[in-house]
Amino acid sequence: MKVLIVGNGGREHAIAWTLAQSQPIEAIYCAPGNGGTASAPKCENLPIAVTAFEAIAAQAQAKAVDLVVVGPEVPLAAGITDYLQAKGITVFGPTQAGAQIEASKAWAKDLMVEAGIPTAASETFTDPEAAIAYIKAQGTPIVVKADGLAAGKGVTVARSEDEAIAAVRDALSGRFGAAGHQVVIEEYLQGQEASVLAVTDGRTIRPLLPAQDHKPIGEGDAGPNTGGMGAYAPTPVVSDAQLKQIQQDILEPAIAALQQRGIDYRGVLYAGLMMTLEDGPKVIEFNCRFGDPETQVVLPLLETPLEEILLACCQQRLGELAPIVWKPQAAACIILAAGGYPDAYKSGYPISGLDTAGETALVFHAGTEAENSQIVTAGGRVLGVTALGATFDAAIAQAYGAVDQIQFTDQYCRRDIGYRVRQPQ
């Protein structure tokens, strides 16, 4: 079996690594891939942009791939699945219509209200003065979100009125381009966040292991949001009983609402949740793809061959698949970022210690490139270092031990990933 993975981040490297563990997988093509996938087992990088649909289709046909897996949200929102399906290519990932669930927060909010899915109360605005009046009426803390895709950086949890007003003006003035043409302003929910990635064939939906991401750049969850600075799974924040509740009250109603809109959604439906103390799980956002860095802790715990799950979704037979099997372990991922991220940062720095770190952990490349025989930095989030252990303490300690073997100029990581499940020393 041959697979083509669209994307170049840590999520895509984790997908490639997981698929490579399976004997039926003969070849994996990564478009465009990164410095890690360039030399990974069974992998070959293809120098193609994620939005170059014609070139991706041509390579998929020329290399006779059996499955295309789309990693990032941008090509999904631009309609890559529709384009490839029209050419008879099997694709894991929703159509452009389905990808609206991430591409427009206002559209997703309407869907949730229509389906009776628990979520934060909100209003959508294009006029900054109307938005500011709403903020003054509601009070703070309050959450301001750019409507469209902003690489995980379009959300502000405003603690003060001035901060909320600045976020509105920032978004509507064009900081996020078309993504900020309108803003969604919603109530601040209290509790712990959790991520439940679920796979679906458009009729059946099955949750994967719940994970917990760490969005803010600073320790103790301080500072601006990023694409994610680390994660662990399975998070005890979501109990087995709560996972069943999420299935019943969130995941299944979402798929039913998509069906009612005539959308055949096959791929990942990612529910970003707030586990509130009083009202249980509420949806903060839906995403239309595997989470990053959650994928780097969920997939290494997977026992069921990944390609079996992906094909079952594409072929609309997920309901016939045996229950998904997981390793009885914990996983932790630490993101190594470039200094300055999520704002301005520099790239092109050589990275050392990767082989040593790889002896005790899985090192998933995100923002890297291969220059001759040297791996160099090429993004804000550079590497995801994942370790498995019998306990969270063991997994976290092993991940940080591997992190300490890696060096590049201006590297940064949070030193408190998993702090909610760490045992006091």
Protein backbone atom coordinates (compact mmCIF):
# COMPACT_ATOMS: atom_id res chain seq x y z
CA MET A 1 0.00 0.00 0.00
CA LYS A 2 1.23 3.49 -0.90
CA VAL A 3 0.21 6.68 0.92
CA LEU A 4 0.71 10.35 0.11
CA ILE A 5 0.64 12.73 3.09
CA VAL A 6 -0.04 16.41 2.42
CA GLY A 7 1.75 18.72 4.87
CA ASN A 8 5.12 19.54 6.39
CA GLY A 9 4.66 19.71 10.17
CA GLY A 10 5.05 17.58 13.26
CA ARG A 11 1.57 16.18 12.77
CA GLU A 12 2.46 14.90 9.32
CA HIS A 13 5.75 13.40 10.53
CA ALA A 14 3.81 11.60 13.29
CA ILE A 15 1.30 10.26 10.76
CA ALA A 16 4.14 9.08 8.50
CA TRP A 17 5.97 7.43 11.40
CA THR A 18 2.82 5.62 12.53
CA LEU A 19 2.00 4.36 9.04
CA ALA A 20 5.60 3.21 8.54
CA GLN A 21 5.24 0.81 11.48
CA SER A 22 2.68 -1.20 9.52
CA GLN A 23 3.93 -4.03 7.31
CA PRO A 24 1.41 -3.44 4.47
CA ILE A 25 2.70 0.11 3.95
CA GLU A 26 5.20 -0.02 1.11
CA ALA A 27 5.87 3.68 0.47
CA ILE A 28 4.99 7.04 2.00
CA TYR A 29 5.26 10.27 0.02
CA CYS A 30 5.24 13.58 1.91
CA ALA A 31 4.27 16.75 0.06
CA PRO A 32 6.29 18.72 0.85
CA GLY A 33 7.49 17.01 4.06
CA ASN A 34 10.28 18.34 6.27
CA GLY A 35 13.79 17.55 7.42
CA GLY A 36 12.58 14.57 9.44
CA THR A 37 10.46 12.91 6.79
CA ALA A 38 13.29 13.38 4.27
CA SER A 39 15.15 10.41 5.80
CA ALA A 40 12.37 8.57 7.64
CA PRO A 41 11.76 4.88 6.87
CA LYS A 42 9.66 4.24 3.74
CA CYS A 43 9.38 8.03 3.20
CA GLU A 44 10.18 10.28 0.27
CA ASN A 45 9.65 14.03 0.19
CA LEU A 46 7.99 15.63 -2.83
CA PRO A 47 8.73 19.37 -3.29
CA ILE A 48 5.09 20.38 -3.72
CA ALA A 49 3.17 23.10 -1.86
CA VAL A 50 0.12 21.95 0.10
CA THR A 51 -2.15 24.08 -2.12
CA ALA A 52 -0.67 22.88 -5.43
CA PHE A 53 -3.61 20.56 -6.05
CA GLU A 54 -2.82 19.77 -9.68
CA ALA A 55 0.75 18.72 -8.85
CA ILE A 56 -0.39 16.66 -5.86
CA ALA A 57 -2.96 14.86 -8.00
CA ALA A 58 -0.39 14.22 -10.73
CA GLN A 59 2.06 12.68 -8.25
CA ALA A 60 -0.67 10.60 -6.58
CA GLN A 61 -1.58 9.15 -9.97
CA ALA A 62 1.99 8.74 -11.22
CA LYS A 63 3.03 6.89 -8.06
CA ALA A 64 -0.20 4.88 -7.92
CA VAL A 65 -0.94 5.82 -4.31
CA ASP A 66 -3.84 4.09 -2.61
CA LEU A 67 -4.63 6.86 -0.16
CA VAL A 68 -4.00 10.59 0.30
CA VAL A 69 -4.03 11.87 3.90
CA VAL A 70 -4.41 15.64 4.24
CA GLY A 71 -2.79 17.03 7.37
CA PRO A 72 -3.28 20.84 7.49
CA GLU A 73 -6.52 22.79 7.53
CA VAL A 74 -5.54 25.26 4.78
CA PRO A 75 -5.71 22.83 1.82
CA LEU A 76 -8.88 21.25 3.25
CA ALA A 77 -10.55 24.66 3.48
CA ALA A 78 -9.41 25.38 -0.08
CA GLY A 79 -11.06 22.20 -1.40
CA ILE A 80 -8.24 19.71 -1.93
CA THR A 81 -10.49 16.74 -1.13
CA ASP A 82 -13.08 17.80 -3.71
CA TYR A 83 -10.34 18.27 -6.32
CA LEU A 84 -8.68 14.89 -5.72
CA GLN A 85 -11.94 12.97 -5.43
CA ALA A 86 -13.02 14.34 -8.79
CA LYS A 87 -9.96 12.59 -10.22
CA GLY A 88 -10.85 9.27 -8.58
CA ILE A 89 -8.26 9.56 -5.78
CA THR A 90 -9.14 8.24 -2.31
CA VAL A 91 -8.71 11.02 0.29
CA PHE A 92 -8.85 11.06 4.09
CA GLY A 93 -10.11 14.53 4.98
CA PRO A 94 -13.41 16.39 4.66
CA THR A 95 -14.59 18.29 1.61
CA GLN A 96 -14.47 22.07 1.42
CA ALA A 97 -18.05 22.24 2.69
CA GLY A 98 -17.15 20.14 5.74
CA ALA A 99 -13.95 22.06 6.41
CA GLN A 100 -16.03 25.17 7.11
CA ILE A 101 -16.38 23.77 10.62
CA GLU A 102 -12.84 25.06 11.20
CA ALA A 103 -12.50 27.67 8.47
CA SER A 104 -15.34 29.79 9.90
CA LYS A 105 -15.94 29.96 13.63
CA ALA A 106 -19.25 31.75 12.98
CA TRP A 107 -20.39 28.90 10.69
CA ALA A 108 -19.38 26.35 13.31
CA LYS A 109 -21.25 28.26 16.03
CA ASP A 110 -24.41 28.24 13.91
CA LEU A 111 -24.04 24.49 13.42
CA MET A 112 -23.61 23.92 17.17
CA VAL A 113 -26.66 25.99 18.05
CA GLU A 114 -28.69 24.19 15.39
CA ALA A 115 -27.60 20.79 16.75
CA GLY A 116 -28.05 21.68 20.43
CA ILE A 117 -24.34 21.10 21.13
CA PRO A 118 -23.16 22.63 24.42
CA THR A 119 -20.90 25.62 23.71
CA ALA A 120 -20.14 29.13 24.93
CA ALA A 121 -22.71 31.85 24.26
CA SER A 122 -21.44 34.16 21.50
CA GLU A 123 -22.13 36.87 18.95
CA THR A 124 -20.46 37.60 15.59
CA PHE A 125 -19.44 41.07 14.42
CA THR A 126 -17.98 42.84 11.40
CA ASP A 127 -18.36 46.36 12.85
CA PRO A 128 -15.73 47.15 15.50
CA GLU A 129 -17.92 49.66 17.36
CA ALA A 130 -20.77 47.16 17.70
CA ALA A 131 -18.28 44.55 18.92
CA ILE A 132 -16.84 46.98 21.47
CA ALA A 133 -20.33 47.87 22.74
CA TYR A 134 -21.02 44.16 23.22
CA ILE A 135 -17.78 43.70 25.16
CA LYS A 136 -18.67 46.62 27.46
CA ALA A 137 -22.12 45.15 28.05
CA GLN A 138 -20.83 41.65 28.77
CA GLY A 139 -17.79 42.49 30.86
CA THR A 140 -14.54 40.57 31.18
CA PRO A 141 -12.95 38.08 31.03
CA ILE A 142 -14.19 37.46 27.50
CA VAL A 143 -12.86 35.65 24.42
CA VAL A 144 -12.25 37.32 21.04
CA LYS A 145 -11.69 35.10 17.99
CA ALA A 146 -10.84 35.94 14.40
CA ASP A 147 -13.44 34.05 12.36
CA GLY A 148 -11.12 32.31 9.90
CA LEU A 149 -7.86 30.36 9.85
CA ALA A 150 -5.08 32.14 11.76
CA ALA A 151 -2.62 29.29 12.50
CA GLY A 152 -3.78 29.02 16.11
CA LYS A 153 -2.98 32.68 16.82
CA GLY A 154 -6.36 34.36 16.25
CA VAL A 155 -7.77 33.82 19.74
CA THR A 156 -7.43 36.25 22.65
CA VAL A 157 -8.62 35.41 26.14
CA ALA A 158 -9.03 38.99 27.33
CA ARG A 159 -8.80 39.66 31.05
CA SER A 160 -9.51 43.37 30.70
CA GLU A 161 -11.80 45.53 28.59
CA ASP A 162 -8.83 47.27 26.98
CA GLU A 163 -7.30 43.93 25.98
CA ALA A 164 -10.57 42.76 24.42
CA ILE A 165 -11.05 46.01 22.50
CA ALA A 166 -7.46 45.85 21.23
CA ALA A 167 -8.04 42.27 20.03
CA VAL A 168 -11.16 43.32 18.11
CA ARG A 169 -9.40 46.26 16.45
CA ASP A 170 -6.37 44.06 15.73
CA ALA A 171 -8.43 41.42 13.94
CA LEU A 172 -10.79 43.71 12.05
CA SER A 173 -7.93 45.99 10.93
CA GLY A 174 -6.37 43.16 8.92
CA ARG A 175 -3.71 41.54 11.11
CA PHE A 176 -5.00 38.09 10.13
CA GLY A 177 -5.95 38.99 6.57
CA ALA A 178 -9.21 37.50 5.34
CA ALA A 179 -9.39 35.39 8.52
CA GLY A 180 -10.23 38.54 10.47
CA HIS A 181 -13.04 39.91 8.30
CA GLN A 182 -15.36 39.19 11.22
CA VAL A 183 -14.89 38.29 14.87
CA VAL A 184 -16.70 35.91 17.17
CA ILE A 185 -16.93 37.16 20.74
CA GLU A 186 -17.91 34.57 23.29
CA GLU A 187 -18.29 34.04 27.00
CA TYR A 188 -15.28 32.94 28.99
CA LEU A 189 -15.62 29.35 30.18
CA GLN A 190 -13.87 28.13 33.30
CA GLY A 191 -12.36 24.67 33.61
CA GLN A 192 -9.63 22.60 32.03
CA GLU A 193 -9.24 22.29 28.28
CA ALA A 194 -9.12 18.93 26.54
CA SER A 195 -8.89 17.75 22.95
CA VAL A 196 -10.94 14.85 21.64
CA LEU A 197 -9.96 13.85 18.12
CA ALA A 198 -12.56 11.60 16.53
CA VAL A 199 -12.52 9.72 13.23
CA THR A 200 -15.66 9.52 11.13
CA ASP A 201 -16.93 8.11 7.85
CA GLY A 202 -19.84 10.55 7.80
CA ARG A 203 -22.21 8.14 9.52
CA THR A 204 -20.25 6.54 12.37
CA ILE A 205 -17.92 8.57 14.60
CA ARG A 206 -15.37 7.16 17.05
CA PRO A 207 -13.30 9.17 19.52
CA LEU A 208 -9.57 8.58 19.87
CA LEU A 209 -7.77 8.97 23.21
CA PRO A 210 -8.44 12.35 24.85
CA ALA A 211 -5.40 14.62 25.09
CA GLN A 212 -4.52 17.93 26.72
CA ASP A 213 -2.63 20.60 24.81
CA HIS A 214 -0.76 23.61 26.24
CA LYS A 215 -1.55 26.59 23.98
CA PRO A 216 0.06 29.61 25.72
CA ILE A 217 3.74 30.30 25.09
CA GLY A 218 4.67 30.76 28.75
CA GLU A 219 4.89 28.46 31.73
CA GLY A 220 1.82 28.41 33.91
CA ASP A 221 -0.20 29.07 30.73
CA ALA A 222 0.93 32.69 30.53
CA GLY A 223 1.35 34.83 27.44
CA PRO A 224 -0.13 34.69 23.93
CA ASN A 225 -1.58 31.57 22.36
CA THR A 226 0.50 29.47 19.97
CA GLY A 227 -0.17 26.45 17.79
CA GLY A 228 0.58 24.35 20.90
CA MET A 229 3.68 23.99 23.09
CA GLY A 230 3.19 20.41 24.24
CA ALA A 231 0.61 17.76 25.02
CA TYR A 232 -0.02 14.54 26.88
CA ALA A 233 -2.46 11.65 26.57
CA PRO A 234 -4.67 10.06 27.68
CA THR A 235 -5.68 13.00 29.85
CA PRO A 236 -7.46 12.13 33.11
CA VAL A 237 -9.38 15.40 32.72
CA VAL A 238 -11.79 13.37 30.55
CA SER A 239 -13.17 10.30 32.34
CA ASP A 240 -14.61 7.28 30.52
CA ALA A 241 -18.09 8.43 31.50
CA GLN A 242 -17.41 11.93 30.17
CA LEU A 243 -16.06 10.51 26.91
CA LYS A 244 -19.37 8.69 26.44
CA GLN A 245 -21.18 11.96 27.18
CA ILE A 246 -19.00 13.76 24.59
CA GLN A 247 -19.85 11.04 22.07
CA GLN A 248 -23.57 11.37 22.75
CA ASP A 249 -23.95 15.13 23.23
CA ILE A 250 -21.26 16.53 20.92
CA LEU A 251 -19.77 14.17 18.34
CA GLU A 252 -22.90 12.36 17.13
CA PRO A 253 -25.06 15.54 16.99
CA ALA A 254 -22.31 17.28 14.99
CA ILE A 255 -22.23 14.53 12.38
CA ALA A 256 -26.03 14.48 12.25
CA ALA A 257 -26.11 18.26 11.72
CA LEU A 258 -23.54 18.00 8.93
CA GLN A 259 -25.65 15.29 7.29
CA GLN A 260 -28.72 17.53 7.51
CA ARG A 261 -26.76 20.19 5.62
CA GLY A 262 -25.97 17.65 2.93
CA ILE A 263 -22.30 17.35 3.92
CA ASP A 264 -20.63 13.93 3.66
CA TYR A 265 -17.88 14.41 6.25
CA ARG A 266 -15.10 11.79 6.20
CA GLY A 267 -11.94 12.42 8.18
CA VAL A 268 -11.12 13.79 11.63
CA LEU A 269 -13.52 15.88 13.64
CA TYR A 270 -11.50 17.48 16.43
CA ALA A 271 -13.45 18.84 19.37
CA GLY A 272 -11.58 21.40 21.46
CA LEU A 273 -13.41 21.26 24.79
CA MET A 274 -13.66 23.09 28.08
CA MET A 275 -14.42 20.65 30.89
CA THR A 276 -16.54 22.98 33.01
CA LEU A 277 -17.24 22.05 36.61
CA GLU A 278 -20.91 23.01 36.58
CA ASP A 279 -22.10 22.11 33.09
CA GLY A 280 -19.69 19.41 31.93
CA PRO A 281 -17.94 19.46 28.54
CA LYS A 282 -18.58 22.41 26.23
CA VAL A 283 -17.13 22.95 22.76
CA ILE A 284 -14.63 25.79 22.41
CA GLU A 285 -13.99 25.02 18.74
CA PHE A 286 -14.16 22.31 16.12
CA ASN A 287 -11.23 21.53 13.81
CA CYS A 288 -11.38 19.55 10.58
CA ARG A 289 -8.08 17.64 10.92
CA PHE A 290 -5.68 15.92 13.31
CA GLY A 291 -4.51 18.25 16.08
CA ASP A 292 -0.92 19.38 16.39
CA PRO A 293 0.71 18.52 18.82
CA GLU A 294 -2.04 16.15 20.05
CA THR A 295 -1.35 13.80 17.14
CA GLN A 296 2.22 13.34 18.43
CA VAL A 297 0.91 11.81 21.69
CA VAL A 298 -2.23 10.04 20.44
CA LEU A 299 -0.85 8.11 17.45
CA PRO A 300 2.23 6.64 19.25
CA LEU A 301 -0.24 4.97 21.67
CA LEU A 302 -2.25 3.41 18.84
CA GLU A 303 -2.12 -0.38 18.46
CA THR A 304 -4.67 -0.75 15.64
CA PRO A 305 -2.94 -0.16 12.28
CA LEU A 306 -3.64 3.45 11.34
CA GLU A 307 -4.24 2.71 7.67
CA GLU A 308 -7.11 0.37 8.61
CA ILE A 309 -8.87 3.22 10.41
CA LEU A 310 -8.24 5.76 7.64
CA LEU A 311 -9.47 3.46 4.88
CA ALA A 312 -12.56 2.48 6.89
CA CYS A 313 -13.44 6.17 7.08
CA CYS A 314 -12.86 6.76 3.38
CA GLN A 315 -14.85 3.66 2.41
CA GLN A 316 -17.69 4.40 4.85
CA ARG A 317 -17.35 1.17 6.83
CA LEU A 318 -16.11 2.52 10.16
CA GLY A 319 -19.09 0.92 11.88
CA GLU A 320 -17.79 -2.51 10.82
CA LEU A 321 -14.27 -1.93 12.20
CA ALA A 322 -13.31 -3.72 15.42
CA PRO A 323 -12.87 -1.50 18.50
CA ILE A 324 -9.70 0.61 18.33
CA VAL A 325 -6.93 -0.84 20.51
CA TRP A 326 -4.51 1.31 22.52
CA LYS A 327 -1.24 0.72 24.38
CA PRO A 328 -1.73 0.82 28.18
CA GLN A 329 0.78 3.67 28.54
CA ALA A 330 1.02 7.44 28.83
CA ALA A 331 2.61 9.75 26.26
CA ALA A 332 4.04 13.26 26.55
CA CYS A 333 5.25 15.65 23.83
CA ILE A 334 7.43 18.72 24.38
CA ILE A 335 7.62 21.33 21.62
CA LEU A 336 11.00 22.93 20.96
CA ALA A 337 10.37 26.34 19.41
CA ALA A 338 12.40 29.13 17.89
CA GLY A 339 13.10 32.07 20.20
CA GLY A 340 10.56 34.84 19.55
CA TYR A 341 7.74 32.50 18.48
CA PRO A 342 4.76 33.09 18.15
CA ASP A 343 5.96 36.52 17.01
CA ALA A 344 9.04 37.18 14.84
CA TYR A 345 11.80 34.57 14.92
CA LYS A 346 14.87 33.59 12.89
CA SER A 347 15.48 30.35 11.00
CA GLY A 348 18.36 28.47 9.41
CA TYR A 349 20.15 27.40 12.59
CA PRO A 350 21.81 23.94 12.61
CA ILE A 351 20.29 21.40 15.01
CA SER A 352 22.49 18.94 16.91
CA GLY A 353 21.74 16.02 19.20
CA LEU A 354 18.88 14.54 17.20
CA ASP A 355 20.35 11.03 17.03
CA THR A 356 21.05 10.93 20.76
CA ALA A 357 17.55 12.19 21.58
CA GLY A 358 16.09 9.62 19.22
CA GLU A 359 17.55 6.79 21.27
CA THR A 360 15.05 7.38 24.08
CA ALA A 361 12.23 9.33 22.44
CA LEU A 362 10.41 9.94 19.17
CA VAL A 363 11.58 13.20 17.60
CA PHE A 364 8.94 14.55 15.24
CA HIS A 365 10.14 17.34 12.98
CA ALA A 366 7.89 20.35 12.45
CA GLY A 367 9.78 23.45 11.26
CA THR A 368 12.95 21.85 9.85
CA GLU A 369 14.72 21.44 6.53
CA ALA A 370 17.53 19.21 5.34
CA GLU A 371 20.43 21.23 3.93
CA ASN A 372 22.86 18.73 2.46
CA SER A 373 23.54 16.46 5.45
CA GLN A 374 22.53 19.02 8.10
CA ILE A 375 19.08 19.55 9.64
CA VAL A 376 18.33 23.24 10.22
CA THR A 377 15.47 25.19 11.77
CA ALA A 378 12.79 26.40 9.37
CA GLY A 379 9.76 27.38 11.45
CA GLY A 380 8.39 28.65 14.72
CA ARG A 381 7.67 25.25 16.22
CA VAL A 382 10.77 23.29 15.29
CA LEU A 383 10.51 19.84 16.89
CA GLY A 384 8.10 17.75 18.94
CA VAL A 385 9.84 15.34 21.32
CA THR A 386 7.52 12.51 22.39
CA ALA A 387 8.14 9.79 24.96
CA LEU A 388 6.00 6.93 26.27
CA GLY A 389 6.03 5.59 29.80
CA ALA A 390 4.11 3.43 32.26
CA THR A 391 3.07 6.64 34.06
CA PHE A 392 2.78 10.32 33.16
CA ASP A 393 5.77 11.11 35.37
CA ALA A 394 7.89 8.56 33.52
CA ALA A 395 6.79 9.75 30.06
CA ILE A 396 7.32 13.43 30.90
CA ALA A 397 10.73 12.83 32.49
CA GLN A 398 11.89 10.81 29.50
CA ALA A 399 10.66 13.44 27.04
CA TYR A 400 12.52 16.21 28.87
CA GLY A 401 15.62 14.03 29.07
CA ALA A 402 15.59 13.74 25.30
CA VAL A 403 14.89 17.48 24.90
CA ASP A 404 18.08 18.20 26.86
CA GLN A 405 20.11 16.33 24.23
CA ILE A 406 19.03 18.71 21.44
CA GLN A 407 20.65 22.08 20.75
CA PHE A 408 20.05 24.94 18.33
CA THR A 409 20.44 28.69 18.64
CA ASP A 410 17.65 30.50 20.51
CA GLN A 411 15.73 27.30 21.27
CA TYR A 412 12.85 27.56 23.71
CA CYS A 413 10.47 25.15 25.40
CA ARG A 414 8.04 25.22 28.26
CA ARG A 415 9.38 23.27 31.24
CA ASP A 416 5.97 22.59 32.77
CA ILE A 417 4.24 20.47 30.14
CA GLY A 418 1.90 18.07 31.91
CA TYR A 419 2.01 20.06 35.14
CA ARG A 420 -1.57 19.10 35.95
CA VAL A 421 -0.74 15.39 36.08
CA ARG A 422 2.79 15.56 37.48
CA GLN A 423 3.25 14.20 40.99
CA PRO A 424 4.79 16.60 43.54
CA GLN A 425 8.51 15.87 43.90
